[in-house]
Amino acid sequence: GIAEIVIGLLVCLGLLRKFVYPLQAAVLVIGALAI
Protein backbone atom coordinates (compact mmCIF):
# COMPACT_ATOMS: atom_id res chain seq x y z
CA GLY A 1 0.00 0.00 0.00
CA ILE A 2 2.76 2.43 0.90
CA ALA A 3 4.65 1.59 -2.31
CA GLU A 4 1.54 2.15 -4.44
CA ILE A 5 0.84 5.48 -2.75
CA VAL A 6 4.41 6.69 -3.25
CA ILE A 7 4.52 5.55 -6.89
CA GLY A 8 1.12 7.10 -7.55
CA LEU A 9 2.04 10.44 -6.02
CA LEU A 10 5.34 10.58 -7.91
CA VAL A 11 3.50 9.79 -11.16
CA CYS A 12 0.98 12.56 -10.44
CA LEU A 13 3.83 15.02 -9.89
CA GLY A 14 5.88 13.77 -12.83
CA LEU A 15 8.87 13.34 -10.55
CA LEU A 16 11.54 10.65 -11.08
CA ARG A 17 9.68 9.69 -14.25
CA LYS A 18 12.45 7.45 -15.56
CA PHE A 19 11.81 5.11 -12.62
CA VAL A 20 8.19 5.56 -11.60
CA TYR A 21 6.53 5.43 -15.02
CA PRO A 22 7.80 1.87 -15.66
CA LEU A 23 6.89 0.88 -12.09
CA GLN A 24 3.37 2.19 -12.57
CA ALA A 25 3.11 0.42 -15.93
CA ALA A 26 4.30 -2.84 -14.36
CA VAL A 27 1.66 -2.63 -11.62
CA LEU A 28 -1.17 -1.76 -13.99
CA VAL A 29 -0.20 -4.07 -16.88
CA ILE A 30 0.44 -7.07 -14.61
CA GLY A 31 -2.84 -6.35 -12.85
CA ALA A 32 -4.66 -6.30 -16.19
CA LEU A 33 -2.94 -9.46 -17.45
CA ALA A 34 -4.03 -11.32 -14.33
CA ILE A 35 -7.67 -10.68 -15.22
Full PDB file with SEQRES, HELIX, SHEET, SSBOND, CRYST1, ORIGX, SCALE, CONECT and MASTER records, all heavy atoms in Angstrom:
SEQRES   1 A   35  GLY ILE ALA GLU ILE VAL ILE GLY LEU LEU VAL CYS LEU          
SEQRES   2 A   35  GLY LEU LEU ARG LYS PHE VAL TYR PRO LEU GLN ALA ALA          
SEQRES   3 A   35  VAL LEU VAL ILE GLY ALA LEU ALA ILE                          
HELIX    1 AA1 ILE A    2  LEU A   13  1                                  12    
HELIX    2 AA2 ARG A   17  ALA A   34  1                                  18    
CRYST1    1.000    1.000    1.000  90.00  90.00  90.00 P 1           1          
ORIGX1      1.000000  0.000000  0.000000        0.00000                         
ORIGX2      0.000000  1.000000  0.000000        0.00000                         
ORIGX3      0.000000  0.000000  1.000000        0.00000                         
SCALE1      1.000000  0.000000  0.000000        0.00000                         
SCALE2      0.000000  1.000000  0.000000        0.00000                         
SCALE3      0.000000  0.000000  1.000000        0.00000                         
ATOM      1  N   GLY A   1       0.819  -1.211   0.000  1.00  0.00           N  
ATOM      2  CA  GLY A   1       0.000   0.000   0.000  1.00  0.00           C  
ATOM      3  C   GLY A   1       0.849   1.256   0.000  1.00  0.00           C  
ATOM      4  O   GLY A   1       0.587   2.195  -0.759  1.00  0.00           O  
ATOM      5  N   ILE A   2       1.870   1.273   0.840  1.00  0.00           N  
ATOM      6  CA  ILE A   2       2.760   2.434   0.896  1.00  0.00           C  
ATOM      7  C   ILE A   2       3.476   2.615  -0.445  1.00  0.00           C  
ATOM      8  O   ILE A   2       3.577   3.729  -0.960  1.00  0.00           O  
ATOM      9  CB  ILE A   2       3.771   2.289   2.056  1.00  0.00           C  
ATOM     10  CG1 ILE A   2       3.036   2.406   3.398  1.00  0.00           C  
ATOM     11  CG2 ILE A   2       4.887   3.324   1.955  1.00  0.00           C  
ATOM     12  CD1 ILE A   2       3.869   2.011   4.604  1.00  0.00           C  
ATOM     13  N   ALA A   3       3.955   1.508  -1.019  1.00  0.00           N  
ATOM     14  CA  ALA A   3       4.648   1.587  -2.314  1.00  0.00           C  
ATOM     15  C   ALA A   3       3.721   2.135  -3.397  1.00  0.00           C  
ATOM     16  O   ALA A   3       4.116   2.993  -4.185  1.00  0.00           O  
ATOM     17  CB  ALA A   3       5.184   0.213  -2.711  1.00  0.00           C  
ATOM     18  N   GLU A   4       2.477   1.654  -3.435  1.00  0.00           N  
ATOM     19  CA  GLU A   4       1.535   2.148  -4.441  1.00  0.00           C  
ATOM     20  C   GLU A   4       1.237   3.631  -4.250  1.00  0.00           C  
ATOM     21  O   GLU A   4       1.145   4.373  -5.232  1.00  0.00           O  
ATOM     22  CB  GLU A   4       0.235   1.345  -4.401  1.00  0.00           C  
ATOM     23  CG  GLU A   4       0.326   0.047  -5.138  1.00  0.00           C  
ATOM     24  CD  GLU A   4      -1.004  -0.661  -5.255  1.00  0.00           C  
ATOM     25  OE1 GLU A   4      -1.992  -0.269  -4.613  1.00  0.00           O  
ATOM     26  OE2 GLU A   4      -1.051  -1.637  -6.025  1.00  0.00           O  
ATOM     27  N   ILE A   5       1.105   4.064  -3.020  1.00  0.00           N  
ATOM     28  CA  ILE A   5       0.839   5.481  -2.751  1.00  0.00           C  
ATOM     29  C   ILE A   5       2.012   6.340  -3.202  1.00  0.00           C  
ATOM     30  O   ILE A   5       1.833   7.360  -3.870  1.00  0.00           O  
ATOM     31  CB  ILE A   5       0.510   5.710  -1.268  1.00  0.00           C  
ATOM     32  CG1 ILE A   5      -0.849   5.093  -0.933  1.00  0.00           C  
ATOM     33  CG2 ILE A   5       0.525   7.201  -0.916  1.00  0.00           C  
ATOM     34  CD1 ILE A   5      -1.147   5.003   0.563  1.00  0.00           C  
ATOM     35  N   VAL A   6       3.219   5.920  -2.867  1.00  0.00           N  
ATOM     36  CA  VAL A   6       4.410   6.689  -3.250  1.00  0.00           C  
ATOM     37  C   VAL A   6       4.546   6.734  -4.773  1.00  0.00           C  
ATOM     38  O   VAL A   6       4.754   7.804  -5.355  1.00  0.00           O  
ATOM     39  CB  VAL A   6       5.680   6.103  -2.588  1.00  0.00           C  
ATOM     40  CG1 VAL A   6       6.945   6.707  -3.170  1.00  0.00           C  
ATOM     41  CG2 VAL A   6       5.637   6.319  -1.076  1.00  0.00           C  
ATOM     42  N   ILE A   7       4.427   5.583  -5.423  1.00  0.00           N  
ATOM     43  CA  ILE A   7       4.523   5.554  -6.891  1.00  0.00           C  
ATOM     44  C   ILE A   7       3.443   6.438  -7.505  1.00  0.00           C  
ATOM     45  O   ILE A   7       3.720   7.241  -8.395  1.00  0.00           O  
ATOM     46  CB  ILE A   7       4.428   4.111  -7.424  1.00  0.00           C  
ATOM     47  CG1 ILE A   7       5.652   3.297  -7.006  1.00  0.00           C  
ATOM     48  CG2 ILE A   7       4.279   4.099  -8.949  1.00  0.00           C  
ATOM     49  CD1 ILE A   7       5.500   1.799  -7.216  1.00  0.00           C  
ATOM     50  N   GLY A   8       2.222   6.313  -7.019  1.00  0.00           N  
ATOM     51  CA  GLY A   8       1.119   7.096  -7.552  1.00  0.00           C  
ATOM     52  C   GLY A   8       1.328   8.588  -7.395  1.00  0.00           C  
ATOM     53  O   GLY A   8       1.086   9.364  -8.331  1.00  0.00           O  
ATOM     54  N   LEU A   9       1.801   9.012  -6.235  1.00  0.00           N  
ATOM     55  CA  LEU A   9       2.043  10.441  -6.018  1.00  0.00           C  
ATOM     56  C   LEU A   9       3.173  10.956  -6.901  1.00  0.00           C  
ATOM     57  O   LEU A   9       3.079  12.054  -7.455  1.00  0.00           O  
ATOM     58  CB  LEU A   9       2.343  10.711  -4.543  1.00  0.00           C  
ATOM     59  CG  LEU A   9       1.162  10.552  -3.586  1.00  0.00           C  
ATOM     60  CD1 LEU A   9       1.621  10.712  -2.140  1.00  0.00           C  
ATOM     61  CD2 LEU A   9       0.043  11.525  -3.922  1.00  0.00           C  
ATOM     62  N   LEU A  10       4.233  10.168  -7.045  1.00  0.00           N  
ATOM     63  CA  LEU A  10       5.344  10.577  -7.910  1.00  0.00           C  
ATOM     64  C   LEU A  10       4.900  10.662  -9.370  1.00  0.00           C  
ATOM     65  O   LEU A  10       5.318  11.562 -10.097  1.00  0.00           O  
ATOM     66  CB  LEU A  10       6.533   9.633  -7.749  1.00  0.00           C  
ATOM     67  CG  LEU A  10       7.275   9.735  -6.417  1.00  0.00           C  
ATOM     68  CD1 LEU A  10       8.305   8.615  -6.275  1.00  0.00           C  
ATOM     69  CD2 LEU A  10       7.928  11.094  -6.251  1.00  0.00           C  
ATOM     70  N   VAL A  11       4.044   9.733  -9.797  1.00  0.00           N  
ATOM     71  CA  VAL A  11       3.504   9.789 -11.162  1.00  0.00           C  
ATOM     72  C   VAL A  11       2.681  11.059 -11.330  1.00  0.00           C  
ATOM     73  O   VAL A  11       2.812  11.777 -12.322  1.00  0.00           O  
ATOM     74  CB  VAL A  11       2.669   8.531 -11.479  1.00  0.00           C  
ATOM     75  CG1 VAL A  11       1.833   8.729 -12.734  1.00  0.00           C  
ATOM     76  CG2 VAL A  11       3.572   7.316 -11.635  1.00  0.00           C  
ATOM     77  N   CYS A  12       1.815  11.354 -10.364  1.00  0.00           N  
ATOM     78  CA  CYS A  12       0.983  12.562 -10.435  1.00  0.00           C  
ATOM     79  C   CYS A  12       1.850  13.812 -10.583  1.00  0.00           C  
ATOM     80  O   CYS A  12       1.525  14.719 -11.363  1.00  0.00           O  
ATOM     81  CB  CYS A  12       0.103  12.692  -9.200  1.00  0.00           C  
ATOM     82  SG  CYS A  12      -1.267  11.525  -9.149  1.00  0.00           S  
ATOM     83  N   LEU A  13       2.937  13.861  -9.850  1.00  0.00           N  
ATOM     84  CA  LEU A  13       3.833  15.017  -9.891  1.00  0.00           C  
ATOM     85  C   LEU A  13       4.736  15.027 -11.124  1.00  0.00           C  
ATOM     86  O   LEU A  13       5.254  16.074 -11.502  1.00  0.00           O  
ATOM     87  CB  LEU A  13       4.701  15.056  -8.640  1.00  0.00           C  
ATOM     88  CG  LEU A  13       3.978  15.293  -7.319  1.00  0.00           C  
ATOM     89  CD1 LEU A  13       4.933  15.080  -6.157  1.00  0.00           C  
ATOM     90  CD2 LEU A  13       3.367  16.679  -7.290  1.00  0.00           C  
ATOM     91  N   GLY A  14       4.930  13.865 -11.725  1.00  0.00           N  
ATOM     92  CA  GLY A  14       5.876  13.771 -12.829  1.00  0.00           C  
ATOM     93  C   GLY A  14       7.305  13.885 -12.325  1.00  0.00           C  
ATOM     94  O   GLY A  14       8.159  14.489 -12.964  1.00  0.00           O  
ATOM     95  N   LEU A  15       7.553  13.280 -11.186  1.00  0.00           N  
ATOM     96  CA  LEU A  15       8.871  13.343 -10.547  1.00  0.00           C  
ATOM     97  C   LEU A  15       9.514  11.956 -10.581  1.00  0.00           C  
ATOM     98  O   LEU A  15       8.852  10.956 -10.303  1.00  0.00           O  
ATOM     99  CB  LEU A  15       8.722  13.831  -9.102  1.00  0.00           C  
ATOM    100  CG  LEU A  15       9.990  14.148  -8.339  1.00  0.00           C  
ATOM    101  CD1 LEU A  15      10.802  15.234  -9.042  1.00  0.00           C  
ATOM    102  CD2 LEU A  15       9.643  14.611  -6.928  1.00  0.00           C  
ATOM    103  N   LEU A  16      10.788  11.911 -10.933  1.00  0.00           N  
ATOM    104  CA  LEU A  16      11.536  10.653 -11.079  1.00  0.00           C  
ATOM    105  C   LEU A  16      10.882   9.755 -12.136  1.00  0.00           C  
ATOM    106  O   LEU A  16      10.775   8.550 -11.989  1.00  0.00           O  
ATOM    107  CB  LEU A  16      11.646   9.924  -9.740  1.00  0.00           C  
ATOM    108  CG  LEU A  16      12.268  10.707  -8.584  1.00  0.00           C  
ATOM    109  CD1 LEU A  16      12.191   9.915  -7.294  1.00  0.00           C  
ATOM    110  CD2 LEU A  16      13.700  11.084  -8.898  1.00  0.00           C  
ATOM    111  N   ARG A  17      10.451  10.374 -13.221  1.00  0.00           N  
ATOM    112  CA  ARG A  17       9.681   9.694 -14.253  1.00  0.00           C  
ATOM    113  C   ARG A  17      10.385   8.479 -14.841  1.00  0.00           C  
ATOM    114  O   ARG A  17       9.739   7.483 -15.167  1.00  0.00           O  
ATOM    115  CB  ARG A  17       9.327  10.668 -15.380  1.00  0.00           C  
ATOM    116  CG  ARG A  17       8.411  11.782 -14.927  1.00  0.00           C  
ATOM    117  CD  ARG A  17       8.136  12.790 -16.008  1.00  0.00           C  
ATOM    118  NE  ARG A  17       9.362  13.384 -16.520  1.00  0.00           N  
ATOM    119  CZ  ARG A  17       9.537  13.786 -17.778  1.00  0.00           C  
ATOM    120  NH1 ARG A  17       8.570  13.687 -18.643  1.00  0.00           N  
ATOM    121  NH2 ARG A  17      10.680  14.317 -18.150  1.00  0.00           N  
ATOM    122  N   LYS A  18      11.688   8.559 -14.976  1.00  0.00           N  
ATOM    123  CA  LYS A  18      12.448   7.447 -15.561  1.00  0.00           C  
ATOM    124  C   LYS A  18      12.217   6.151 -14.771  1.00  0.00           C  
ATOM    125  O   LYS A  18      12.240   5.058 -15.341  1.00  0.00           O  
ATOM    126  CB  LYS A  18      13.936   7.798 -15.571  1.00  0.00           C  
ATOM    127  CG  LYS A  18      14.836   6.736 -16.137  1.00  0.00           C  
ATOM    128  CD  LYS A  18      16.281   7.190 -16.128  1.00  0.00           C  
ATOM    129  CE  LYS A  18      17.205   6.166 -16.716  1.00  0.00           C  
ATOM    130  NZ  LYS A  18      18.595   6.621 -16.725  1.00  0.00           N  
ATOM    131  N   PHE A  19      11.983   6.280 -13.492  1.00  0.00           N  
ATOM    132  CA  PHE A  19      11.812   5.113 -12.622  1.00  0.00           C  
ATOM    133  C   PHE A  19      10.346   4.795 -12.341  1.00  0.00           C  
ATOM    134  O   PHE A  19       9.953   3.630 -12.362  1.00  0.00           O  
ATOM    135  CB  PHE A  19      12.561   5.337 -11.299  1.00  0.00           C  
ATOM    136  CG  PHE A  19      13.989   5.697 -11.490  1.00  0.00           C  
ATOM    137  CD1 PHE A  19      14.428   6.993 -11.269  1.00  0.00           C  
ATOM    138  CD2 PHE A  19      14.913   4.753 -11.918  1.00  0.00           C  
ATOM    139  CE1 PHE A  19      15.754   7.340 -11.466  1.00  0.00           C  
ATOM    140  CE2 PHE A  19      16.248   5.094 -12.116  1.00  0.00           C  
ATOM    141  CZ  PHE A  19      16.673   6.395 -11.890  1.00  0.00           C  
ATOM    142  N   VAL A  20       9.558   5.831 -12.048  1.00  0.00           N  
ATOM    143  CA  VAL A  20       8.189   5.564 -11.595  1.00  0.00           C  
ATOM    144  C   VAL A  20       7.214   5.249 -12.724  1.00  0.00           C  
ATOM    145  O   VAL A  20       6.259   4.507 -12.501  1.00  0.00           O  
ATOM    146  CB  VAL A  20       7.634   6.682 -10.682  1.00  0.00           C  
ATOM    147  CG1 VAL A  20       8.458   6.805  -9.420  1.00  0.00           C  
ATOM    148  CG2 VAL A  20       7.511   7.997 -11.393  1.00  0.00           C  
ATOM    149  N   TYR A  21       7.446   5.767 -13.920  1.00  0.00           N  
ATOM    150  CA  TYR A  21       6.533   5.426 -15.016  1.00  0.00           C  
ATOM    151  C   TYR A  21       6.582   3.928 -15.327  1.00  0.00           C  
ATOM    152  O   TYR A  21       5.536   3.292 -15.456  1.00  0.00           O  
ATOM    153  CB  TYR A  21       6.824   6.248 -16.262  1.00  0.00           C  
ATOM    154  CG  TYR A  21       6.406   7.702 -16.196  1.00  0.00           C  
ATOM    155  CD1 TYR A  21       5.884   8.280 -15.054  1.00  0.00           C  
ATOM    156  CD2 TYR A  21       6.556   8.525 -17.293  1.00  0.00           C  
ATOM    157  CE1 TYR A  21       5.507   9.620 -15.002  1.00  0.00           C  
ATOM    158  CE2 TYR A  21       6.181   9.863 -17.269  1.00  0.00           C  
ATOM    159  CZ  TYR A  21       5.661  10.402 -16.120  1.00  0.00           C  
ATOM    160  OH  TYR A  21       5.302  11.721 -16.082  1.00  0.00           O  
ATOM    161  N   PRO A  22       7.773   3.326 -15.452  1.00  0.00           N  
ATOM    162  CA  PRO A  22       7.799   1.865 -15.664  1.00  0.00           C  
ATOM    163  C   PRO A  22       7.239   1.077 -14.473  1.00  0.00           C  
ATOM    164  O   PRO A  22       6.608   0.036 -14.674  1.00  0.00           O  
ATOM    165  CB  PRO A  22       9.284   1.557 -15.872  1.00  0.00           C  
ATOM    166  CG  PRO A  22       9.881   2.836 -16.341  1.00  0.00           C  
ATOM    167  CD  PRO A  22       9.107   3.918 -15.631  1.00  0.00           C  
ATOM    168  N   LEU A  23       7.459   1.574 -13.257  1.00  0.00           N  
ATOM    169  CA  LEU A  23       6.886   0.882 -12.094  1.00  0.00           C  
ATOM    170  C   LEU A  23       5.366   0.918 -12.144  1.00  0.00           C  
ATOM    171  O   LEU A  23       4.695  -0.096 -11.896  1.00  0.00           O  
ATOM    172  CB  LEU A  23       7.381   1.512 -10.790  1.00  0.00           C  
ATOM    173  CG  LEU A  23       8.824   1.240 -10.407  1.00  0.00           C  
ATOM    174  CD1 LEU A  23       9.224   2.062  -9.184  1.00  0.00           C  
ATOM    175  CD2 LEU A  23       9.024  -0.241 -10.146  1.00  0.00           C  
ATOM    176  N   GLN A  24       4.824   2.090 -12.454  1.00  0.00           N  
ATOM    177  CA  GLN A  24       3.374   2.189 -12.568  1.00  0.00           C  
ATOM    178  C   GLN A  24       2.862   1.267 -13.672  1.00  0.00           C  
ATOM    179  O   GLN A  24       1.878   0.550 -13.488  1.00  0.00           O  
ATOM    180  CB  GLN A  24       2.935   3.622 -12.878  1.00  0.00           C  
ATOM    181  CG  GLN A  24       1.443   3.709 -13.149  1.00  0.00           C  
ATOM    182  CD  GLN A  24       0.983   5.072 -13.565  1.00  0.00           C  
ATOM    183  OE1 GLN A  24       0.276   5.702 -12.808  1.00  0.00           O  
ATOM    184  NE2 GLN A  24       1.356   5.529 -14.745  1.00  0.00           N  
ATOM    185  N   ALA A  25       3.531   1.277 -14.819  1.00  0.00           N  
ATOM    186  CA  ALA A  25       3.113   0.418 -15.926  1.00  0.00           C  
ATOM    187  C   ALA A  25       3.160  -1.050 -15.515  1.00  0.00           C  
ATOM    188  O   ALA A  25       2.247  -1.816 -15.843  1.00  0.00           O  
ATOM    189  CB  ALA A  25       3.983   0.670 -17.156  1.00  0.00           C  
ATOM    190  N   ALA A  26       4.189  -1.439 -14.805  1.00  0.00           N  
ATOM    191  CA  ALA A  26       4.296  -2.836 -14.364  1.00  0.00           C  
ATOM    192  C   ALA A  26       3.108  -3.207 -13.473  1.00  0.00           C  
ATOM    193  O   ALA A  26       2.486  -4.260 -13.666  1.00  0.00           O  
ATOM    194  CB  ALA A  26       5.613  -3.057 -13.621  1.00  0.00           C  
ATOM    195  N   VAL A  27       2.785  -2.355 -12.513  1.00  0.00           N  
ATOM    196  CA  VAL A  27       1.662  -2.632 -11.617  1.00  0.00           C  
ATOM    197  C   VAL A  27       0.362  -2.748 -12.410  1.00  0.00           C  
ATOM    198  O   VAL A  27      -0.409  -3.701 -12.240  1.00  0.00           O  
ATOM    199  CB  VAL A  27       1.539  -1.537 -10.529  1.00  0.00           C  
ATOM    200  CG1 VAL A  27       0.242  -1.676  -9.754  1.00  0.00           C  
ATOM    201  CG2 VAL A  27       2.732  -1.568  -9.586  1.00  0.00           C  
ATOM    202  N   LEU A  28       0.109  -1.792 -13.285  1.00  0.00           N  
ATOM    203  CA  LEU A  28      -1.173  -1.758 -13.994  1.00  0.00           C  
ATOM    204  C   LEU A  28      -1.265  -2.808 -15.100  1.00  0.00           C  
ATOM    205  O   LEU A  28      -2.330  -3.411 -15.297  1.00  0.00           O  
ATOM    206  CB  LEU A  28      -1.423  -0.354 -14.553  1.00  0.00           C  
ATOM    207  CG  LEU A  28      -1.586   0.731 -13.478  1.00  0.00           C  
ATOM    208  CD1 LEU A  28      -1.724   2.106 -14.118  1.00  0.00           C  
ATOM    209  CD2 LEU A  28      -2.762   0.430 -12.563  1.00  0.00           C  
ATOM    210  N   VAL A  29      -0.174  -3.063 -15.809  1.00  0.00           N  
ATOM    211  CA  VAL A  29      -0.204  -4.071 -16.876  1.00  0.00           C  
ATOM    212  C   VAL A  29      -0.279  -5.475 -16.278  1.00  0.00           C  
ATOM    213  O   VAL A  29      -1.078  -6.309 -16.728  1.00  0.00           O  
ATOM    214  CB  VAL A  29       1.011  -3.923 -17.820  1.00  0.00           C  
ATOM    215  CG1 VAL A  29       1.139  -5.112 -18.761  1.00  0.00           C  
ATOM    216  CG2 VAL A  29       0.894  -2.624 -18.612  1.00  0.00           C  
ATOM    217  N   ILE A  30       0.505  -5.754 -15.252  1.00  0.00           N  
ATOM    218  CA  ILE A  30       0.441  -7.075 -14.611  1.00  0.00           C  
ATOM    219  C   ILE A  30      -0.943  -7.292 -14.008  1.00  0.00           C  
ATOM    220  O   ILE A  30      -1.514  -8.385 -14.107  1.00  0.00           O  
ATOM    221  CB  ILE A  30       1.560  -7.230 -13.558  1.00  0.00           C  
ATOM    222  CG1 ILE A  30       2.916  -7.322 -14.261  1.00  0.00           C  
ATOM    223  CG2 ILE A  30       1.321  -8.452 -12.679  1.00  0.00           C  
ATOM    224  CD1 ILE A  30       4.114  -7.200 -13.339  1.00  0.00           C  
ATOM    225  N   GLY A  31      -1.488  -6.246 -13.401  1.00  0.00           N  
ATOM    226  CA  GLY A  31      -2.841  -6.350 -12.854  1.00  0.00           C  
ATOM    227  C   GLY A  31      -3.867  -6.667 -13.933  1.00  0.00           C  
ATOM    228  O   GLY A  31      -4.766  -7.487 -13.732  1.00  0.00           O  
ATOM    229  N   ALA A  32      -3.735  -6.044 -15.090  1.00  0.00           N  
ATOM    230  CA  ALA A  32      -4.664  -6.299 -16.190  1.00  0.00           C  
ATOM    231  C   ALA A  32      -4.456  -7.702 -16.771  1.00  0.00           C  
ATOM    232  O   ALA A  32      -5.429  -8.391 -17.101  1.00  0.00           O  
ATOM    233  CB  ALA A  32      -4.508  -5.239 -17.276  1.00  0.00           C  
ATOM    234  N   LEU A  33      -3.209  -8.122 -16.899  1.00  0.00           N  
ATOM    235  CA  LEU A  33      -2.939  -9.455 -17.446  1.00  0.00           C  
ATOM    236  C   LEU A  33      -3.511 -10.553 -16.558  1.00  0.00           C  
ATOM    237  O   LEU A  33      -3.952 -11.590 -17.049  1.00  0.00           O  
ATOM    238  CB  LEU A  33      -1.436  -9.659 -17.642  1.00  0.00           C  
ATOM    239  CG  LEU A  33      -0.794  -8.877 -18.777  1.00  0.00           C  
ATOM    240  CD1 LEU A  33       0.717  -9.064 -18.774  1.00  0.00           C  
ATOM    241  CD2 LEU A  33      -1.387  -9.283 -20.122  1.00  0.00           C  
ATOM    242  N   ALA A  34      -3.520 -10.313 -15.265  1.00  0.00           N  
ATOM    243  CA  ALA A  34      -4.027 -11.317 -14.334  1.00  0.00           C  
ATOM    244  C   ALA A  34      -5.536 -11.528 -14.486  1.00  0.00           C  
ATOM    245  O   ALA A  34      -6.048 -12.585 -14.105  1.00  0.00           O  
ATOM    246  CB  ALA A  34      -3.689 -10.925 -12.901  1.00  0.00           C  
ATOM    247  N   ILE A  35      -6.221 -10.548 -15.031  1.00  0.00           N  
ATOM    248  CA  ILE A  35      -7.673 -10.678 -15.221  1.00  0.00           C  
ATOM    249  C   ILE A  35      -8.025 -10.649 -16.712  1.00  0.00           C  
ATOM    250  O   ILE A  35      -9.083 -10.168 -17.112  1.00  0.00           O  
ATOM    251  CB  ILE A  35      -8.444  -9.597 -14.431  1.00  0.00           C  
ATOM    252  CG1 ILE A  35      -7.951  -8.196 -14.796  1.00  0.00           C  
ATOM    253  CG2 ILE A  35      -8.348  -9.842 -12.941  1.00  0.00           C  
ATOM    254  CD1 ILE A  35      -8.769  -7.062 -14.229  1.00  0.00           C  
TER     255      ILE A  35                                                      
MASTER        0    0    0    2    0    0    0    6  254    1    0    3          
END                                                                             
